[in-house]
Amino acid sequence: MSGNTMKSFIEATKNQTAVRCHGVTKTYGQGKAAVQALRGVDLEIRTGELLMLVGPSGCGKTTLISVLAGLLQRDGGDCSVLDHDYKQMSFNETTRFRGRNIGFVFQTFDLIPALTAAENVATPLLINGVKWPAALEKAGAVLKVVGFDDRMIHSLPTDLSGGQQQRVAVARAMVHDPRMIVCDEPTSALDSESGHMVMSLMRQFALGKDRVLVVVTHDTRIFEFADRIARMEDGRITRIENPPSRGNVPLNNP
């Protein structure tokens, strides 16, 4: 693809709606023990966008990205993700869709202790049918992009620092070139320099093709990487802003 053709492709796909949610609700438990985590979320996310979800602990951020990623089923409302509605899909269809299209960065890393860094990163490729040697080769290349050397690539998670484990988790989310990545506090275990490096890579990912990146964070140091910031309180999106110095954007004009 020529440079001009690629530019035209990016311009054509940028700013299309990747995620559209209206009135999304989610409740945990029943009766008096019920906790309403999402109380009618309205949100649109565009392709080529890095959206940050911010708000106090317990406001529903992690529940929302779990619904967007197909890890949780919503109770009510409408939600389309990359032109698919999880409620219209079987369990197996949802699993296949996630494997091909969604990348995850969990707050707790969720690395497999018995696997090396490269083997952990390779797992999404194996799920998608890539042969073991090719999967390991690509995993090693992505780990080098996030700052790993040959020795670290073959280390077990227990031999890595928290920040290094976080970078493995980020590499695993990116390795299969998903159309959407959802991240829960991706810089929580990183110093400022490492956090900025990871967010720079992820922003390049979000802007590269018809992709979208959703980041839950309390880390104000990385707000500058966002295209928009969605504020959550009590299970609702209360307002949507541009990053600092860009000026606010009205909620009804995202």
Protein backbone atom coordinates (compact mmCIF):
# COMPACT_ATOMS: atom_id res chain seq x y z
CA MET A 1 0.00 0.00 0.00
CA SER A 2 1.44 3.35 -1.04
CA GLY A 3 1.89 6.23 1.37
CA ASN A 4 -0.96 8.21 -0.20
CA THR A 5 -3.27 5.18 -0.17
CA MET A 6 -2.51 4.47 3.49
CA LYS A 7 -3.14 8.12 4.38
CA SER A 8 -6.49 8.01 2.58
CA PHE A 9 -7.39 4.78 4.40
CA ILE A 10 -6.59 6.26 7.81
CA GLU A 11 -8.56 9.41 7.07
CA ALA A 12 -11.53 7.36 5.86
CA THR A 13 -11.63 5.14 8.96
CA LYS A 14 -10.78 7.78 11.58
CA ASN A 15 -13.69 9.19 13.57
CA GLN A 16 -16.12 6.41 12.67
CA THR A 17 -18.04 5.09 15.65
CA ALA A 18 -16.36 2.00 17.12
CA VAL A 19 -18.42 1.76 20.32
CA ARG A 20 -21.96 3.01 20.86
CA CYS A 21 -23.66 2.56 24.24
CA HIS A 22 -27.05 3.89 25.31
CA GLY A 23 -28.67 3.33 28.69
CA VAL A 24 -26.32 0.48 29.65
CA THR A 25 -26.99 -0.98 33.09
CA LYS A 26 -25.30 -3.66 35.20
CA THR A 27 -26.22 -4.88 38.68
CA TYR A 28 -24.32 -7.29 40.91
CA GLY A 29 -26.27 -9.41 43.37
CA GLN A 30 -29.99 -9.48 44.13
CA GLY A 31 -32.49 -8.03 46.57
CA LYS A 32 -31.09 -5.99 49.42
CA ALA A 33 -27.55 -7.06 48.51
CA ALA A 34 -27.86 -5.72 44.94
CA VAL A 35 -25.28 -3.16 43.83
CA GLN A 36 -26.04 -1.17 40.70
CA ALA A 37 -22.62 -0.66 39.09
CA LEU A 38 -23.83 0.94 35.84
CA ARG A 39 -26.90 3.16 35.93
CA GLY A 40 -27.60 4.02 32.31
CA VAL A 41 -24.28 4.68 30.57
CA ASP A 42 -24.37 6.69 27.34
CA LEU A 43 -21.06 6.73 25.46
CA GLU A 44 -19.68 6.78 21.94
CA ILE A 45 -16.03 6.05 21.13
CA ARG A 46 -14.54 6.75 17.73
CA THR A 47 -11.98 4.82 15.73
CA GLY A 48 -8.48 6.26 15.92
CA GLU A 49 -9.21 7.47 19.46
CA LEU A 50 -7.62 7.00 22.86
CA LEU A 51 -10.38 7.50 25.42
CA MET A 52 -9.63 7.63 29.14
CA LEU A 53 -12.21 6.72 31.77
CA VAL A 54 -11.60 8.50 35.08
CA GLY A 55 -13.49 8.81 38.33
CA PRO A 56 -13.46 7.69 41.97
CA SER A 57 -12.99 4.06 42.94
CA GLY A 58 -16.24 2.13 42.73
CA CYS A 59 -17.88 4.40 40.16
CA GLY A 60 -18.18 1.63 37.55
CA LYS A 61 -15.13 2.14 35.32
CA THR A 62 -13.86 -1.45 35.42
CA THR A 63 -17.38 -2.82 35.04
CA LEU A 64 -17.90 -0.66 31.95
CA ILE A 65 -14.73 -1.78 30.18
CA SER A 66 -15.55 -5.39 31.08
CA VAL A 67 -18.91 -4.95 29.34
CA LEU A 68 -17.21 -3.34 26.32
CA ALA A 69 -14.73 -6.24 26.14
CA GLY A 70 -17.43 -8.90 26.37
CA LEU A 71 -16.23 -10.20 29.73
CA LEU A 72 -19.51 -9.21 31.41
CA GLN A 73 -23.02 -9.14 29.98
CA ARG A 74 -24.95 -5.93 30.49
CA ASP A 75 -28.37 -6.18 32.11
CA GLY A 76 -30.05 -3.53 30.01
CA GLY A 77 -29.56 -0.86 27.39
CA ASP A 78 -27.95 -1.08 23.97
CA CYS A 79 -24.27 -1.52 23.19
CA SER A 80 -22.51 -2.07 19.87
CA VAL A 81 -18.77 -2.82 19.83
CA LEU A 82 -17.04 -2.87 16.43
CA ASP A 83 -20.46 -3.41 14.83
CA HIS A 84 -21.24 -6.38 17.07
CA ASP A 85 -23.72 -6.79 19.94
CA TYR A 86 -22.59 -9.40 22.45
CA LYS A 87 -26.21 -10.13 23.41
CA GLN A 88 -26.85 -11.31 19.85
CA MET A 89 -23.86 -13.68 19.93
CA SER A 90 -23.41 -17.14 21.40
CA PHE A 91 -20.75 -17.85 24.00
CA ASN A 92 -18.46 -19.39 21.38
CA GLU A 93 -19.02 -16.51 18.95
CA THR A 94 -18.17 -14.00 21.69
CA THR A 95 -15.03 -15.92 22.62
CA ARG A 96 -13.84 -15.99 19.00
CA PHE A 97 -14.66 -12.31 18.54
CA ARG A 98 -12.69 -11.34 21.65
CA GLY A 99 -9.75 -13.49 20.61
CA ARG A 100 -9.46 -11.74 17.27
CA ASN A 101 -10.50 -8.19 18.09
CA ILE A 102 -9.95 -7.34 21.77
CA GLY A 103 -6.74 -6.87 23.74
CA PHE A 104 -6.70 -6.67 27.55
CA VAL A 105 -4.41 -5.07 30.09
CA PHE A 106 -5.63 -6.07 33.55
CA GLN A 107 -4.72 -4.16 36.70
CA THR A 108 -3.44 -7.38 38.29
CA PHE A 109 -1.44 -8.31 35.12
CA ASP A 110 -2.90 -11.88 35.09
CA LEU A 111 0.32 -13.41 33.80
CA ILE A 112 0.67 -17.20 33.87
CA PRO A 113 3.39 -17.94 36.48
CA ALA A 114 4.76 -21.06 34.78
CA LEU A 115 5.29 -19.31 31.42
CA THR A 116 8.13 -17.02 30.43
CA ALA A 117 7.48 -13.43 29.40
CA ALA A 118 7.60 -14.39 25.72
CA GLU A 119 5.29 -17.37 26.26
CA ASN A 120 2.78 -15.17 28.11
CA VAL A 121 2.80 -12.63 25.31
CA ALA A 122 2.42 -15.37 22.70
CA THR A 123 -0.84 -16.75 24.16
CA PRO A 124 -3.26 -14.55 22.12
CA LEU A 125 -1.47 -15.63 18.94
CA LEU A 126 -1.75 -19.31 19.87
CA ILE A 127 -5.47 -18.86 20.55
CA ASN A 128 -5.80 -17.44 17.03
CA GLY A 129 -4.05 -20.43 15.46
CA VAL A 130 -0.52 -19.07 14.99
CA LYS A 131 2.11 -21.81 15.20
CA TRP A 132 4.32 -21.88 18.29
CA PRO A 133 7.65 -20.82 16.69
CA ALA A 134 6.08 -17.89 14.83
CA ALA A 135 4.10 -16.85 17.93
CA LEU A 136 7.24 -16.83 20.09
CA GLU A 137 9.17 -14.87 17.48
CA LYS A 138 6.53 -12.15 17.27
CA ALA A 139 6.13 -12.09 21.07
CA GLY A 140 9.87 -11.51 21.47
CA ALA A 141 9.80 -8.69 18.93
CA VAL A 142 6.92 -6.93 20.72
CA LEU A 143 8.64 -7.33 24.10
CA LYS A 144 11.75 -5.64 22.69
CA VAL A 145 9.56 -2.74 21.60
CA VAL A 146 8.51 -2.25 25.25
CA GLY A 147 12.11 -2.32 26.44
CA PHE A 148 12.95 -5.98 27.13
CA ASP A 149 16.31 -7.53 26.29
CA ASP A 150 16.96 -11.17 25.33
CA ARG A 151 17.47 -12.29 28.93
CA MET A 152 14.26 -10.67 30.21
CA ILE A 153 12.23 -12.17 27.37
CA HIS A 154 12.94 -15.64 28.78
CA SER A 155 12.33 -14.71 32.43
CA LEU A 156 9.41 -16.00 34.49
CA PRO A 157 7.00 -13.42 35.95
CA THR A 158 8.35 -14.08 39.46
CA ASP A 159 11.78 -12.89 38.28
CA LEU A 160 10.39 -9.58 36.98
CA SER A 161 9.55 -6.39 38.83
CA GLY A 162 5.98 -5.08 38.95
CA GLY A 163 6.76 -2.56 36.25
CA GLN A 164 8.30 -5.23 34.03
CA GLN A 165 5.27 -7.48 34.51
CA GLN A 166 3.06 -4.55 33.51
CA ARG A 167 5.01 -4.16 30.28
CA VAL A 168 4.56 -7.88 29.56
CA ALA A 169 0.82 -7.40 30.02
CA VAL A 170 0.84 -4.45 27.60
CA ALA A 171 2.83 -6.43 25.02
CA ARG A 172 0.37 -9.33 25.33
CA ALA A 173 -2.54 -6.97 24.65
CA MET A 174 -0.90 -5.62 21.48
CA VAL A 175 0.72 -8.72 19.98
CA HIS A 176 -2.25 -9.97 17.91
CA ASP A 177 -3.06 -6.51 16.49
CA PRO A 178 -6.58 -6.29 17.95
CA ARG A 179 -8.98 -3.58 16.82
CA MET A 180 -9.69 -2.52 20.42
CA ILE A 181 -7.59 -2.58 23.58
CA VAL A 182 -9.10 -2.02 27.01
CA CYS A 183 -6.73 -1.22 29.87
CA ASP A 184 -7.29 -1.09 33.63
CA GLU A 185 -4.64 1.17 35.18
CA PRO A 186 -1.88 0.31 32.66
CA THR A 187 0.68 2.66 34.27
CA SER A 188 -0.12 1.99 37.93
CA ALA A 189 3.11 0.03 38.52
CA LEU A 190 5.35 2.17 36.30
CA ASP A 191 7.56 5.15 37.01
CA SER A 192 6.95 8.32 35.01
CA GLU A 193 9.45 7.53 32.24
CA SER A 194 8.24 3.95 31.75
CA GLY A 195 4.61 5.06 31.91
CA HIS A 196 5.16 7.64 29.20
CA MET A 197 6.94 5.08 27.02
CA VAL A 198 4.07 2.60 27.34
CA MET A 199 1.43 5.26 26.66
CA SER A 200 3.35 6.53 23.62
CA LEU A 201 3.33 3.00 22.18
CA MET A 202 -0.34 2.55 22.93
CA ARG A 203 -1.24 5.90 21.43
CA GLN A 204 0.61 4.95 18.25
CA PHE A 205 -1.45 1.76 18.26
CA ALA A 206 -4.74 3.66 18.61
CA LEU A 207 -3.93 6.08 15.81
CA GLY A 208 -2.47 3.52 13.43
CA LYS A 209 -5.58 2.02 11.82
CA ASP A 210 -9.33 1.60 12.43
CA ARG A 211 -8.67 0.93 16.10
CA VAL A 212 -9.71 2.22 19.50
CA LEU A 213 -8.06 2.29 22.92
CA VAL A 214 -9.97 2.64 26.21
CA VAL A 215 -7.92 3.30 29.34
CA VAL A 216 -9.17 3.33 32.93
CA THR A 217 -6.76 5.39 35.01
CA HIS A 218 -6.21 7.52 38.09
CA ASP A 219 -2.80 8.58 36.77
CA THR A 220 -3.01 12.28 35.91
CA ARG A 221 0.52 12.11 34.46
CA ILE A 222 -0.82 10.38 31.34
CA PHE A 223 -3.89 12.53 30.68
CA GLU A 224 -1.97 14.30 27.90
CA PHE A 225 -2.07 11.11 25.80
CA ALA A 226 -5.88 11.08 25.66
CA ASP A 227 -8.00 12.36 22.82
CA ARG A 228 -10.92 12.63 25.21
CA ILE A 229 -11.51 12.02 28.92
CA ALA A 230 -14.83 10.59 30.11
CA ARG A 231 -15.66 11.32 33.74
CA MET A 232 -17.68 8.72 35.65
CA GLU A 233 -19.61 9.04 38.89
CA ASP A 234 -22.11 6.62 40.45
CA GLY A 235 -22.31 4.38 37.41
CA ARG A 236 -22.85 7.11 34.81
CA ILE A 237 -20.77 9.16 32.39
CA THR A 238 -21.22 12.68 33.75
CA ARG A 239 -19.17 14.64 31.24
CA ILE A 240 -16.62 14.28 28.47
CA GLU A 241 -13.59 16.57 28.25
CA ASN A 242 -10.62 17.18 26.05
CA PRO A 243 -7.27 16.71 27.82
CA PRO A 244 -5.94 19.68 29.81
CA SER A 245 -5.28 22.73 27.63
CA ARG A 246 -7.57 21.51 24.85
CA GLY A 247 -10.79 22.85 26.38
CA ASN A 248 -13.92 20.95 27.40
CA VAL A 249 -16.24 19.25 24.94
CA PRO A 250 -19.98 19.18 25.78
CA LEU A 251 -21.31 15.75 26.71
CA ASN A 252 -23.79 15.76 23.83
CA ASN A 253 -21.12 16.68 21.28
CA PRO A 254 -18.34 14.08 21.65
